[in-house]
Structure formats: structure tokens, C-alpha cells
Amino acid sequence: MAESVPVVLTPRDSAIAILKAEHRVLGNVVHTLQEVLEGIAADSCVADFQLVASMLYYLDAFPERCHHPKEDRYLFRCLRARTEKANGILDALAAQHVTSERLMISLEQSFVRYQGGAPGGLRSFAKAVNAYAELQWKHMDLEETRMLSLASEYLSDKDWVAIDRAFRANEDPLSSPDAQDEFAQLRQRIVNRLPTKLRRRARA
């Protein structure tokens, strides 16, 4: 049997693959959190506050302090320098980053009220989660369709080399090797605490 030849990605393909992989992880955690809350509301699973708190910590630490700043600092800035045609989309994405951070604060406050037994706490918290989720779906779709299309058109090979290097090195302190291990371990703890019916999809 012939040995398979390793696929060598171009810097452009590598950077885009990293971006989309991080989107998949983020989307998975957000969707799973929605399913967990739906299960609690339907009395089909126990209200596991430690599980929910772990998910919120992941959503705060990973996209809000790592993924989004990396996009702003490297990809968005480089694309702005190459063409004015991307300004409208980049302005919208930057605004969504700000809104995402604001909604994350609302999520955490809603969770504290729910955990403290406030009347209607679960309903209010679920509403905040759904608002955050809706923003993330719109944001990731805009990035992966329109923004990446413009980036592929206007960025040079040299640009992509620099972006890919930055995405791989990920200079944000939260993405040091120790932090990457922390995220991986946290995600595994989240999966391990999920109701059985949700575990298989969450591992994808």
C-alpha cells in the first residue's frame, strides 16, 4: 500500500484553516450551552452550575480575550491597509466584537442571578445566551464568506505569511502553550460533564 503524501498548506490556507477551526470550537460550545439550558428548562437534565460556569469561562477567555483580538490585530488591520473595499465589512465585524464583549458581561450577570435563585432567572439567562449565540452565528458567517473572500482577493502572499505566523504563534498571553493546555483541558471537562446524549456531538 502506497504511503500517503502529507498535505502542505499554503500560509493562506493554513491561516484560514486556523480561523475556521476556532470558529467550530466556539460554535460547538455555544450550541451545547443552548442545548443544556433547553434540557434544564424541560427537566430532562440537572442544573449543573459548575458545567455552565465552565462554558461561560471558556466563552469569555477564548473568543473575547484571544480569538477576536488576534483577528483585529493581524487580519483586519492588514486587509484595511490593502483595500478600502473591505472597510464596511471590517467596521461591522469590529462593532460585533465590541457587542460580543458587552453580551458576555450580560451573560455572566444573568448567570449569577439565575444561580442565586432570582425569579425567572433561567428564562432570562437563556434569553441572554440566545442573543449571544445569534450574534456569533452572524459574525462567523460574515467573516467566513464576505471578509475571507476579500482577504483572498487583496492580500499578498507576503501578507498571508505574516498572518499565518501570527495566528500560529498567537502572541496573546492567553494562548501561550500553558493556556492552550488549559483550554484543551477545560473543553474536555465540559464534555465529560455533559449529559450522555450531548457528549458525542460535543467531541466533534
N, C-alpha and C. Protein backbone atom coordinates (compact mmCIF):
# COMPACT_ATOMS: atom_id res chain seq x y z
N MET A 1 0.84 -1.20 0.00
CA MET A 1 0.00 0.00 0.00
C MET A 1 0.87 1.25 0.00
N ALA A 2 0.60 2.17 -0.92
CA ALA A 2 1.42 3.36 -1.05
C ALA A 2 1.22 4.28 0.15
N GLU A 3 2.32 4.91 0.58
CA GLU A 3 2.24 5.83 1.70
C GLU A 3 1.53 7.11 1.26
N SER A 4 0.70 7.64 2.13
CA SER A 4 0.02 8.88 1.80
C SER A 4 1.00 10.04 1.86
N VAL A 5 0.83 10.98 0.96
CA VAL A 5 1.71 12.15 0.89
C VAL A 5 1.12 13.25 1.78
N PRO A 6 1.90 13.76 2.73
CA PRO A 6 1.38 14.81 3.61
C PRO A 6 0.93 16.03 2.81
N VAL A 7 -0.18 16.60 3.21
CA VAL A 7 -0.68 17.80 2.54
C VAL A 7 -0.01 19.01 3.17
N VAL A 8 0.65 19.80 2.34
CA VAL A 8 1.32 21.00 2.80
C VAL A 8 0.44 22.20 2.46
N LEU A 9 -0.06 22.86 3.47
CA LEU A 9 -0.94 24.01 3.25
C LEU A 9 -0.12 25.26 2.96
N THR A 10 -0.65 26.10 2.09
CA THR A 10 -0.06 27.40 1.89
C THR A 10 -0.32 28.25 3.13
N PRO A 11 0.46 29.32 3.35
CA PRO A 11 0.17 30.18 4.51
C PRO A 11 -1.26 30.69 4.52
N ARG A 12 -1.80 31.01 3.34
CA ARG A 12 -3.19 31.47 3.27
C ARG A 12 -4.14 30.39 3.75
N ASP A 13 -3.98 29.17 3.21
CA ASP A 13 -4.87 28.08 3.59
C ASP A 13 -4.72 27.72 5.06
N SER A 14 -3.49 27.82 5.57
CA SER A 14 -3.24 27.50 6.97
C SER A 14 -3.92 28.50 7.89
N ALA A 15 -3.78 29.80 7.57
CA ALA A 15 -4.40 30.83 8.40
C ALA A 15 -5.92 30.70 8.40
N ILE A 16 -6.49 30.45 7.22
CA ILE A 16 -7.94 30.31 7.11
C ILE A 16 -8.40 29.06 7.86
N ALA A 17 -7.62 27.99 7.78
CA ALA A 17 -7.98 26.75 8.50
C ALA A 17 -7.99 26.98 10.00
N ILE A 18 -7.02 27.73 10.51
CA ILE A 18 -6.96 28.04 11.95
C ILE A 18 -8.19 28.84 12.36
N LEU A 19 -8.52 29.86 11.55
CA LEU A 19 -9.68 30.70 11.84
C LEU A 19 -10.96 29.88 11.90
N LYS A 20 -11.16 29.04 10.89
CA LYS A 20 -12.39 28.25 10.82
C LYS A 20 -12.44 27.19 11.92
N ALA A 21 -11.29 26.62 12.27
CA ALA A 21 -11.26 25.62 13.34
C ALA A 21 -11.65 26.25 14.67
N GLU A 22 -11.17 27.46 14.92
CA GLU A 22 -11.53 28.15 16.16
C GLU A 22 -13.02 28.50 16.16
N HIS A 23 -13.55 28.84 14.98
CA HIS A 23 -14.98 29.10 14.88
C HIS A 23 -15.79 27.84 15.22
N ARG A 24 -15.34 26.70 14.75
CA ARG A 24 -16.07 25.45 15.02
C ARG A 24 -16.10 25.15 16.50
N VAL A 25 -14.97 25.35 17.18
CA VAL A 25 -14.93 25.09 18.62
C VAL A 25 -15.86 26.05 19.36
N LEU A 26 -15.78 27.33 19.01
CA LEU A 26 -16.64 28.33 19.64
C LEU A 26 -18.11 28.00 19.40
N GLY A 27 -18.45 27.71 18.14
CA GLY A 27 -19.83 27.41 17.81
C GLY A 27 -20.34 26.18 18.54
N ASN A 28 -19.46 25.19 18.70
CA ASN A 28 -19.84 23.97 19.38
C ASN A 28 -20.18 24.23 20.85
N VAL A 29 -19.35 25.02 21.51
CA VAL A 29 -19.58 25.32 22.92
C VAL A 29 -20.87 26.13 23.09
N VAL A 30 -21.07 27.13 22.22
CA VAL A 30 -22.28 27.95 22.30
C VAL A 30 -23.53 27.11 22.09
N HIS A 31 -23.51 26.26 21.06
CA HIS A 31 -24.69 25.44 20.76
C HIS A 31 -24.96 24.44 21.88
N THR A 32 -23.90 23.87 22.44
CA THR A 32 -24.06 22.91 23.53
C THR A 32 -24.63 23.59 24.76
N LEU A 33 -24.19 24.83 25.04
CA LEU A 33 -24.74 25.57 26.18
C LEU A 33 -26.24 25.79 25.97
N GLN A 34 -26.65 26.12 24.76
CA GLN A 34 -28.08 26.29 24.48
C GLN A 34 -28.83 24.99 24.73
N GLU A 35 -28.28 23.88 24.30
CA GLU A 35 -28.94 22.59 24.49
C GLU A 35 -29.04 22.22 25.97
N VAL A 36 -27.99 22.51 26.72
CA VAL A 36 -28.01 22.23 28.15
C VAL A 36 -29.13 23.02 28.83
N LEU A 37 -29.25 24.29 28.50
CA LEU A 37 -30.30 25.12 29.11
C LEU A 37 -31.69 24.66 28.68
N GLU A 38 -31.82 24.24 27.44
CA GLU A 38 -33.11 23.69 26.99
C GLU A 38 -33.46 22.44 27.78
N GLY A 39 -32.44 21.61 28.05
CA GLY A 39 -32.66 20.40 28.83
C GLY A 39 -33.07 20.70 30.26
N ILE A 40 -32.43 21.73 30.86
CA ILE A 40 -32.80 22.12 32.23
C ILE A 40 -34.23 22.63 32.27
N ALA A 41 -34.59 23.46 31.28
CA ALA A 41 -35.94 24.01 31.24
C ALA A 41 -36.99 22.93 31.06
N ALA A 42 -36.63 21.86 30.34
CA ALA A 42 -37.57 20.77 30.09
C ALA A 42 -37.49 19.68 31.16
N ASP A 43 -36.66 19.92 32.21
CA ASP A 43 -36.46 18.95 33.29
C ASP A 43 -35.91 17.61 32.79
N SER A 44 -35.15 17.66 31.68
CA SER A 44 -34.56 16.43 31.16
C SER A 44 -33.09 16.30 31.56
N CYS A 45 -32.54 17.33 32.20
CA CYS A 45 -31.20 17.21 32.76
C CYS A 45 -31.09 18.12 33.97
N VAL A 46 -30.14 17.80 34.83
CA VAL A 46 -29.96 18.52 36.09
C VAL A 46 -29.28 19.87 35.84
N ALA A 47 -29.63 20.86 36.64
CA ALA A 47 -28.99 22.18 36.56
C ALA A 47 -27.58 22.08 37.14
N ASP A 48 -26.60 21.88 36.30
CA ASP A 48 -25.20 21.70 36.71
C ASP A 48 -24.52 23.07 36.60
N PHE A 49 -24.47 23.81 37.70
CA PHE A 49 -23.91 25.15 37.67
C PHE A 49 -22.41 25.15 37.35
N GLN A 50 -21.71 24.12 37.79
CA GLN A 50 -20.28 24.05 37.50
C GLN A 50 -20.04 23.89 36.01
N LEU A 51 -20.85 23.08 35.35
CA LEU A 51 -20.75 22.90 33.90
C LEU A 51 -21.01 24.22 33.18
N VAL A 52 -22.09 24.89 33.56
CA VAL A 52 -22.44 26.15 32.90
C VAL A 52 -21.36 27.20 33.14
N ALA A 53 -20.84 27.27 34.36
CA ALA A 53 -19.78 28.23 34.67
C ALA A 53 -18.53 27.95 33.85
N SER A 54 -18.21 26.68 33.64
CA SER A 54 -17.05 26.32 32.82
C SER A 54 -17.23 26.77 31.38
N MET A 55 -18.45 26.62 30.85
CA MET A 55 -18.73 27.05 29.49
C MET A 55 -18.59 28.57 29.36
N LEU A 56 -19.12 29.29 30.34
CA LEU A 56 -19.03 30.75 30.30
C LEU A 56 -17.59 31.21 30.40
N TYR A 57 -16.81 30.56 31.24
CA TYR A 57 -15.39 30.91 31.34
C TYR A 57 -14.70 30.69 30.00
N TYR A 58 -15.01 29.58 29.36
CA TYR A 58 -14.40 29.27 28.06
C TYR A 58 -14.77 30.34 27.04
N LEU A 59 -16.04 30.71 26.99
CA LEU A 59 -16.51 31.69 26.02
C LEU A 59 -15.91 33.07 26.29
N ASP A 60 -15.65 33.38 27.53
CA ASP A 60 -15.03 34.66 27.86
C ASP A 60 -13.54 34.63 27.55
N ALA A 61 -12.85 33.62 28.00
CA ALA A 61 -11.40 33.59 27.88
C ALA A 61 -10.94 33.33 26.45
N PHE A 62 -11.64 32.47 25.71
CA PHE A 62 -11.15 32.11 24.38
C PHE A 62 -11.50 33.14 23.31
N PRO A 63 -12.77 33.35 22.96
CA PRO A 63 -13.04 34.31 21.89
C PRO A 63 -12.82 35.76 22.29
N GLU A 64 -13.25 36.14 23.49
CA GLU A 64 -13.23 37.56 23.85
C GLU A 64 -11.83 38.07 24.14
N ARG A 65 -10.95 37.24 24.66
CA ARG A 65 -9.61 37.71 25.01
C ARG A 65 -8.50 37.09 24.17
N CYS A 66 -8.86 36.23 23.24
CA CYS A 66 -7.83 35.56 22.43
C CYS A 66 -8.17 35.63 20.95
N HIS A 67 -9.29 35.01 20.55
CA HIS A 67 -9.63 34.88 19.13
C HIS A 67 -9.91 36.24 18.49
N HIS A 68 -10.79 37.03 19.06
CA HIS A 68 -11.15 38.32 18.47
C HIS A 68 -9.98 39.30 18.43
N PRO A 69 -9.20 39.46 19.51
CA PRO A 69 -8.05 40.37 19.42
C PRO A 69 -7.05 39.96 18.33
N LYS A 70 -6.89 38.66 18.13
CA LYS A 70 -5.98 38.18 17.09
C LYS A 70 -6.48 38.60 15.71
N GLU A 71 -7.76 38.48 15.48
CA GLU A 71 -8.33 38.90 14.20
C GLU A 71 -8.13 40.39 14.00
N ASP A 72 -8.46 41.19 15.03
CA ASP A 72 -8.34 42.64 14.93
C ASP A 72 -6.90 43.06 14.65
N ARG A 73 -5.98 42.47 15.37
CA ARG A 73 -4.58 42.91 15.34
C ARG A 73 -3.87 42.55 14.05
N TYR A 74 -4.20 41.41 13.49
CA TYR A 74 -3.46 40.94 12.32
C TYR A 74 -4.27 40.94 11.03
N LEU A 75 -5.32 40.17 10.97
CA LEU A 75 -6.05 40.00 9.71
C LEU A 75 -6.80 41.28 9.31
N PHE A 76 -7.58 41.84 10.21
CA PHE A 76 -8.38 43.02 9.87
C PHE A 76 -7.48 44.20 9.54
N ARG A 77 -6.46 44.41 10.34
CA ARG A 77 -5.57 45.55 10.12
C ARG A 77 -4.87 45.45 8.77
N CYS A 78 -4.42 44.27 8.42
CA CYS A 78 -3.73 44.07 7.15
C CYS A 78 -4.68 44.30 5.97
N LEU A 79 -5.90 43.80 6.08
CA LEU A 79 -6.86 43.96 5.00
C LEU A 79 -7.24 45.43 4.82
N ARG A 80 -7.37 46.17 5.89
CA ARG A 80 -7.66 47.61 5.78
C ARG A 80 -6.56 48.33 5.02
N ALA A 81 -5.32 47.89 5.24
CA ALA A 81 -4.19 48.54 4.59
C ALA A 81 -4.14 48.26 3.09
N ARG A 82 -4.81 47.19 2.64
CA ARG A 82 -4.72 46.78 1.24
C ARG A 82 -5.87 47.30 0.39
N THR A 83 -7.03 47.53 0.97
CA THR A 83 -8.17 47.97 0.17
C THR A 83 -9.20 48.68 1.03
N GLU A 84 -9.82 49.71 0.46
CA GLU A 84 -10.91 50.39 1.14
C GLU A 84 -12.23 49.65 0.94
N LYS A 85 -12.26 48.70 0.02
CA LYS A 85 -13.49 47.98 -0.28
C LYS A 85 -13.95 47.11 0.89
N ALA A 86 -13.02 46.81 1.79
CA ALA A 86 -13.37 45.96 2.94
C ALA A 86 -13.78 46.77 4.16
N ASN A 87 -13.69 48.09 4.09
CA ASN A 87 -13.91 48.92 5.28
C ASN A 87 -15.29 48.71 5.90
N GLY A 88 -16.33 48.65 5.07
CA GLY A 88 -17.68 48.47 5.61
C GLY A 88 -17.83 47.17 6.37
N ILE A 89 -17.33 46.10 5.79
CA ILE A 89 -17.42 44.79 6.44
C ILE A 89 -16.56 44.76 7.70
N LEU A 90 -15.35 45.31 7.62
CA LEU A 90 -14.46 45.30 8.78
C LEU A 90 -15.02 46.17 9.90
N ASP A 91 -15.66 47.29 9.56
CA ASP A 91 -16.30 48.11 10.59
C ASP A 91 -17.41 47.32 11.28
N ALA A 92 -18.19 46.58 10.48
CA ALA A 92 -19.27 45.78 11.05
C ALA A 92 -18.72 44.68 11.96
N LEU A 93 -17.64 44.03 11.53
CA LEU A 93 -17.04 42.96 12.33
C LEU A 93 -16.45 43.51 13.63
N ALA A 94 -15.77 44.67 13.53
CA ALA A 94 -15.19 45.27 14.73
C ALA A 94 -16.30 45.66 15.72
N ALA A 95 -17.41 46.18 15.19
CA ALA A 95 -18.54 46.53 16.06
C ALA A 95 -19.12 45.28 16.71
N GLN A 96 -19.17 44.19 15.98
CA GLN A 96 -19.67 42.93 16.54
C GLN A 96 -18.75 42.42 17.64
N HIS A 97 -17.45 42.63 17.49
CA HIS A 97 -16.52 42.24 18.56
C HIS A 97 -16.84 43.00 19.84
N VAL A 98 -17.13 44.30 19.72
CA VAL A 98 -17.48 45.12 20.89
C VAL A 98 -18.80 44.64 21.49
N THR A 99 -19.78 44.38 20.63
CA THR A 99 -21.09 43.90 21.11
C THR A 99 -20.95 42.54 21.78
N SER A 100 -20.10 41.69 21.23
CA SER A 100 -19.89 40.36 21.79
C SER A 100 -19.35 40.46 23.21
N GLU A 101 -18.42 41.37 23.41
CA GLU A 101 -17.85 41.56 24.75
C GLU A 101 -18.92 42.06 25.72
N ARG A 102 -19.77 42.98 25.24
CA ARG A 102 -20.84 43.51 26.09
C ARG A 102 -21.85 42.42 26.44
N LEU A 103 -22.20 41.58 25.45
CA LEU A 103 -23.15 40.50 25.70
C LEU A 103 -22.56 39.46 26.65
N MET A 104 -21.23 39.28 26.60
CA MET A 104 -20.59 38.34 27.51
C MET A 104 -20.76 38.80 28.95
N ILE A 105 -20.64 40.10 29.19
CA ILE A 105 -20.85 40.64 30.54
C ILE A 105 -22.29 40.40 30.97
N SER A 106 -23.23 40.61 30.05
CA SER A 106 -24.64 40.37 30.35
C SER A 106 -24.89 38.90 30.67
N LEU A 107 -24.22 38.01 29.93
CA LEU A 107 -24.35 36.58 30.19
C LEU A 107 -23.92 36.24 31.61
N GLU A 108 -22.77 36.75 32.00
CA GLU A 108 -22.24 36.42 33.32
C GLU A 108 -23.14 36.97 34.42
N GLN A 109 -23.67 38.18 34.23
CA GLN A 109 -24.57 38.75 35.23
C GLN A 109 -25.88 37.97 35.31
N SER A 110 -26.40 37.56 34.15
CA SER A 110 -27.64 36.77 34.13
C SER A 110 -27.44 35.43 34.81
N PHE A 111 -26.27 34.85 34.61
CA PHE A 111 -25.98 33.55 35.23
C PHE A 111 -25.94 33.68 36.76
N VAL A 112 -25.33 34.74 37.25
CA VAL A 112 -25.26 34.95 38.70
C VAL A 112 -26.67 35.07 39.28
N ARG A 113 -27.55 35.81 38.58
CA ARG A 113 -28.93 35.96 39.07
C ARG A 113 -29.66 34.62 39.04
N TYR A 114 -29.45 33.86 37.96
CA TYR A 114 -30.08 32.53 37.85
C TYR A 114 -29.58 31.61 38.95
N GLN A 115 -28.28 31.59 39.16
CA GLN A 115 -27.69 30.72 40.18
C GLN A 115 -28.15 31.13 41.57
N GLY A 116 -28.42 32.41 41.75
CA GLY A 116 -28.87 32.91 43.05
C GLY A 116 -30.35 32.71 43.31
N GLY A 117 -31.06 32.13 42.33
CA GLY A 117 -32.46 31.83 42.54
C GLY A 117 -33.42 32.96 42.22
N ALA A 118 -32.99 33.93 41.40
CA ALA A 118 -33.88 35.04 41.05
C ALA A 118 -35.10 34.53 40.29
N PRO A 119 -36.28 35.12 40.51
CA PRO A 119 -37.48 34.70 39.76
C PRO A 119 -37.25 34.87 38.26
N GLY A 120 -37.59 33.83 37.51
CA GLY A 120 -37.38 33.89 36.07
C GLY A 120 -35.93 33.89 35.66
N GLY A 121 -35.05 33.48 36.58
CA GLY A 121 -33.61 33.53 36.32
C GLY A 121 -33.18 32.68 35.14
N LEU A 122 -33.70 31.45 35.06
CA LEU A 122 -33.32 30.57 33.95
C LEU A 122 -33.78 31.14 32.63
N ARG A 123 -35.00 31.64 32.59
CA ARG A 123 -35.55 32.20 31.35
C ARG A 123 -34.72 33.41 30.88
N SER A 124 -34.36 34.29 31.81
CA SER A 124 -33.56 35.47 31.46
C SER A 124 -32.16 35.08 31.00
N PHE A 125 -31.58 34.09 31.68
CA PHE A 125 -30.25 33.63 31.31
C PHE A 125 -30.26 32.99 29.93
N ALA A 126 -31.27 32.16 29.66
CA ALA A 126 -31.38 31.51 28.35
C ALA A 126 -31.56 32.55 27.25
N LYS A 127 -32.31 33.61 27.54
CA LYS A 127 -32.51 34.68 26.56
C LYS A 127 -31.18 35.37 26.25
N ALA A 128 -30.37 35.60 27.28
CA ALA A 128 -29.06 36.22 27.09
C ALA A 128 -28.14 35.31 26.29
N VAL A 129 -28.19 34.02 26.57
CA VAL A 129 -27.37 33.05 25.81
C VAL A 129 -27.79 33.04 24.35
N ASN A 130 -29.07 33.05 24.09
CA ASN A 130 -29.55 33.02 22.70
C ASN A 130 -29.16 34.29 21.94
N ALA A 131 -29.17 35.43 22.62
CA ALA A 131 -28.74 36.68 21.97
C ALA A 131 -27.26 36.62 21.63
N TYR A 132 -26.46 36.09 22.55
CA TYR A 132 -25.03 35.93 22.30
C TYR A 132 -24.80 34.96 21.15
N ALA A 133 -25.53 33.86 21.13
CA ALA A 133 -25.37 32.85 20.08
C ALA A 133 -25.73 33.43 18.72
N GLU A 134 -26.83 34.16 18.65
CA GLU A 134 -27.26 34.73 17.37
C GLU A 134 -26.19 35.67 16.80
N LEU A 135 -25.59 36.47 17.68
CA LEU A 135 -24.52 37.36 17.23
C LEU A 135 -23.34 36.56 16.70
N GLN A 136 -22.96 35.49 17.41
CA GLN A 136 -21.80 34.70 16.97
C GLN A 136 -22.06 34.05 15.62
N TRP A 137 -23.27 33.52 15.39
CA TRP A 137 -23.53 32.90 14.08
C TRP A 137 -23.40 33.93 12.97
N LYS A 138 -23.99 35.12 13.17
CA LYS A 138 -23.91 36.18 12.16
C LYS A 138 -22.45 36.61 11.94
N HIS A 139 -21.73 36.73 13.02
CA HIS A 139 -20.35 37.19 12.96
C HIS A 139 -19.47 36.19 12.19
N MET A 140 -19.57 34.93 12.54
CA MET A 140 -18.74 33.92 11.89
C MET A 140 -19.10 33.77 10.41
N ASP A 141 -20.40 33.88 10.10
CA ASP A 141 -20.82 33.79 8.70
C ASP A 141 -20.26 34.97 7.89
N LEU A 142 -20.31 36.16 8.45
CA LEU A 142 -19.79 37.34 7.74
C LEU A 142 -18.28 37.21 7.52
N GLU A 143 -17.58 36.71 8.52
CA GLU A 143 -16.14 36.53 8.38
C GLU A 143 -15.81 35.48 7.32
N GLU A 144 -16.48 34.33 7.39
CA GLU A 144 -16.09 33.21 6.53
C GLU A 144 -16.56 33.38 5.08
N THR A 145 -17.52 34.22 4.85
CA THR A 145 -18.00 34.41 3.48
C THR A 145 -17.41 35.70 2.90
N ARG A 146 -17.91 36.82 3.32
CA ARG A 146 -17.53 38.08 2.67
C ARG A 146 -16.12 38.54 3.03
N MET A 147 -15.74 38.51 4.32
CA MET A 147 -14.43 39.01 4.71
C MET A 147 -13.31 38.17 4.13
N LEU A 148 -13.40 36.84 4.27
CA LEU A 148 -12.33 35.99 3.75
C LEU A 148 -12.26 36.03 2.24
N SER A 149 -13.38 36.27 1.58
CA SER A 149 -13.37 36.41 0.13
C SER A 149 -12.55 37.64 -0.27
N LEU A 150 -12.75 38.75 0.42
CA LEU A 150 -11.97 39.96 0.13
C LEU A 150 -10.50 39.77 0.51
N ALA A 151 -10.27 39.10 1.62
CA ALA A 151 -8.88 38.85 2.04
C ALA A 151 -8.15 38.01 1.00
N SER A 152 -8.81 37.01 0.47
CA SER A 152 -8.19 36.15 -0.54
C SER A 152 -7.90 36.93 -1.82
N GLU A 153 -8.72 37.93 -2.09
CA GLU A 153 -8.55 38.73 -3.31
C GLU A 153 -7.45 39.77 -3.18
N TYR A 154 -7.33 40.40 -2.02
CA TYR A 154 -6.47 41.57 -1.91
C TYR A 154 -5.16 41.36 -1.14
N LEU A 155 -5.10 40.36 -0.28
CA LEU A 155 -3.87 40.17 0.48
C LEU A 155 -2.83 39.44 -0.36
N SER A 156 -1.58 39.83 -0.19
CA SER A 156 -0.48 39.21 -0.94
C SER A 156 0.01 37.96 -0.24
N ASP A 157 0.84 37.19 -0.93
CA ASP A 157 1.43 36.01 -0.31
C ASP A 157 2.23 36.39 0.93
N LYS A 158 2.92 37.53 0.85
CA LYS A 158 3.71 38.00 1.99
C LYS A 158 2.80 38.33 3.17
N ASP A 159 1.66 38.94 2.87
CA ASP A 159 0.68 39.23 3.94
C ASP A 159 0.26 37.95 4.64
N TRP A 160 -0.07 36.93 3.85
CA TRP A 160 -0.57 35.68 4.42
C TRP A 160 0.50 34.97 5.25
N VAL A 161 1.76 35.10 4.82
CA VAL A 161 2.84 34.50 5.61
C VAL A 161 2.88 35.13 7.00
N ALA A 162 2.78 36.47 7.05
CA ALA A 162 2.81 37.17 8.34
C ALA A 162 1.59 36.83 9.19
N ILE A 163 0.41 36.78 8.55
CA ILE A 163 -0.81 36.46 9.29
C ILE A 163 -0.78 35.04 9.83
N ASP A 164 -0.35 34.10 8.99
CA ASP A 164 -0.29 32.71 9.42
C ASP A 164 0.70 32.54 10.58
N ARG A 165 1.84 33.21 10.47
CA ARG A 165 2.84 33.13 11.54
C ARG A 165 2.25 33.67 12.85
N ALA A 166 1.54 34.78 12.75
CA ALA A 166 0.94 35.38 13.94
C ALA A 166 -0.16 34.48 14.51
N PHE A 167 -0.98 33.90 13.63
CA PHE A 167 -2.05 33.02 14.09
C PHE A 167 -1.48 31.78 14.76
N ARG A 168 -0.37 31.28 14.23
CA ARG A 168 0.23 30.08 14.82
C ARG A 168 0.90 30.41 16.16
N ALA A 169 1.62 31.52 16.19
CA ALA A 169 2.32 31.91 17.41
C ALA A 169 1.33 32.42 18.44
N ASN A 170 0.30 33.13 17.93
CA ASN A 170 -0.76 33.67 18.78
C ASN A 170 -0.17 34.36 20.00
N GLU A 171 0.31 35.58 19.79
CA GLU A 171 1.07 36.27 20.82
C GLU A 171 0.26 36.67 22.06
N ASP A 172 -1.05 36.55 21.99
CA ASP A 172 -1.85 36.87 23.16
C ASP A 172 -1.42 35.97 24.32
N PRO A 173 -1.21 36.54 25.51
CA PRO A 173 -0.75 35.74 26.65
C PRO A 173 -1.64 34.54 26.95
N LEU A 174 -2.94 34.65 26.67
CA LEU A 174 -3.84 33.54 26.96
C LEU A 174 -3.62 32.36 26.03
N SER A 175 -2.83 32.58 24.97
CA SER A 175 -2.59 31.47 24.04
C SER A 175 -1.15 30.98 24.11
N SER A 176 -0.54 31.16 25.24
CA SER A 176 0.74 30.52 25.49
C SER A 176 0.50 29.01 25.53
N PRO A 177 1.55 28.19 25.40
CA PRO A 177 1.35 26.74 25.49
C PRO A 177 0.58 26.32 26.74
N ASP A 178 0.85 26.98 27.87
CA ASP A 178 0.14 26.63 29.10
C ASP A 178 -1.35 26.95 28.97
N ALA A 179 -1.66 28.11 28.34
CA ALA A 179 -3.06 28.48 28.19
C ALA A 179 -3.76 27.56 27.20
N GLN A 180 -3.07 27.18 26.14
CA GLN A 180 -3.66 26.24 25.18
C GLN A 180 -4.00 24.92 25.87
N ASP A 181 -3.11 24.46 26.73
CA ASP A 181 -3.39 23.25 27.50
C ASP A 181 -4.59 23.46 28.41
N GLU A 182 -4.67 24.66 28.99
CA GLU A 182 -5.80 24.96 29.87
C GLU A 182 -7.11 24.90 29.10
N PHE A 183 -7.14 25.49 27.90
CA PHE A 183 -8.35 25.47 27.09
C PHE A 183 -8.73 24.04 26.72
N ALA A 184 -7.72 23.23 26.33
CA ALA A 184 -7.99 21.85 25.94
C ALA A 184 -8.54 21.06 27.13
N GLN A 185 -7.94 21.24 28.31
CA GLN A 185 -8.39 20.53 29.50
C GLN A 185 -9.79 21.00 29.92
N LEU A 186 -10.02 22.31 29.80
CA LEU A 186 -11.33 22.85 30.16
C LEU A 186 -12.39 22.29 29.24
N ARG A 187 -12.10 22.27 27.94
CA ARG A 187 -13.08 21.73 26.98
C ARG A 187 -13.37 20.26 27.28
N GLN A 188 -12.34 19.51 27.67
CA GLN A 188 -12.55 18.10 27.99
C GLN A 188 -13.40 17.94 29.24
N ARG A 189 -13.19 18.82 30.23
CA ARG A 189 -14.01 18.78 31.44
C ARG A 189 -15.46 19.10 31.12
N ILE A 190 -15.65 20.05 30.21
CA ILE A 190 -17.01 20.38 29.79
C ILE A 190 -17.67 19.16 29.16
N VAL A 191 -16.96 18.51 28.23
CA VAL A 191 -17.51 17.33 27.56
C VAL A 191 -17.83 16.23 28.56
N ASN A 192 -16.92 16.02 29.51
CA ASN A 192 -17.10 14.94 30.48
C ASN A 192 -18.32 15.15 31.38
N ARG A 193 -18.70 16.40 31.61
CA ARG A 193 -19.82 16.69 32.49
C ARG A 193 -21.15 16.78 31.75
N LEU A 194 -21.12 16.73 30.43
CA LEU A 194 -22.35 16.84 29.66
C LEU A 194 -23.24 15.62 29.85
N PRO A 195 -24.56 15.82 29.73
CA PRO A 195 -25.44 14.66 29.67
C PRO A 195 -25.00 13.74 28.53
N THR A 196 -25.16 12.45 28.70
CA THR A 196 -24.65 11.46 27.75
C THR A 196 -25.06 11.76 26.32
N LYS A 197 -26.30 12.15 26.10
CA LYS A 197 -26.80 12.35 24.73
C LYS A 197 -26.11 13.51 24.01
N LEU A 198 -25.44 14.39 24.77
CA LEU A 198 -24.77 15.53 24.14
C LEU A 198 -23.29 15.31 23.94
N ARG A 199 -22.73 14.27 24.54
CA ARG A 199 -21.28 14.13 24.53
C ARG A 199 -20.71 13.85 23.15
N ARG A 200 -21.36 12.96 22.39
CA ARG A 200 -20.80 12.56 21.11
C ARG A 200 -20.64 13.75 20.18
N ARG A 201 -21.69 14.59 20.06
CA ARG A 201 -21.60 15.73 19.17
C ARG A 201 -20.61 16.77 19.68
N ALA A 202 -20.52 16.91 21.00
CA ALA A 202 -19.62 17.91 21.56
C ALA A 202 -18.16 17.56 21.32
N ARG A 203 -17.85 16.29 21.12
CA ARG A 203 -16.47 15.89 20.88
C ARG A 203 -16.05 16.18 19.43
N ALA A 204 -16.98 16.46 18.55
CA ALA A 204 -16.66 16.69 17.14
C ALA A 204 -15.83 17.95 16.97
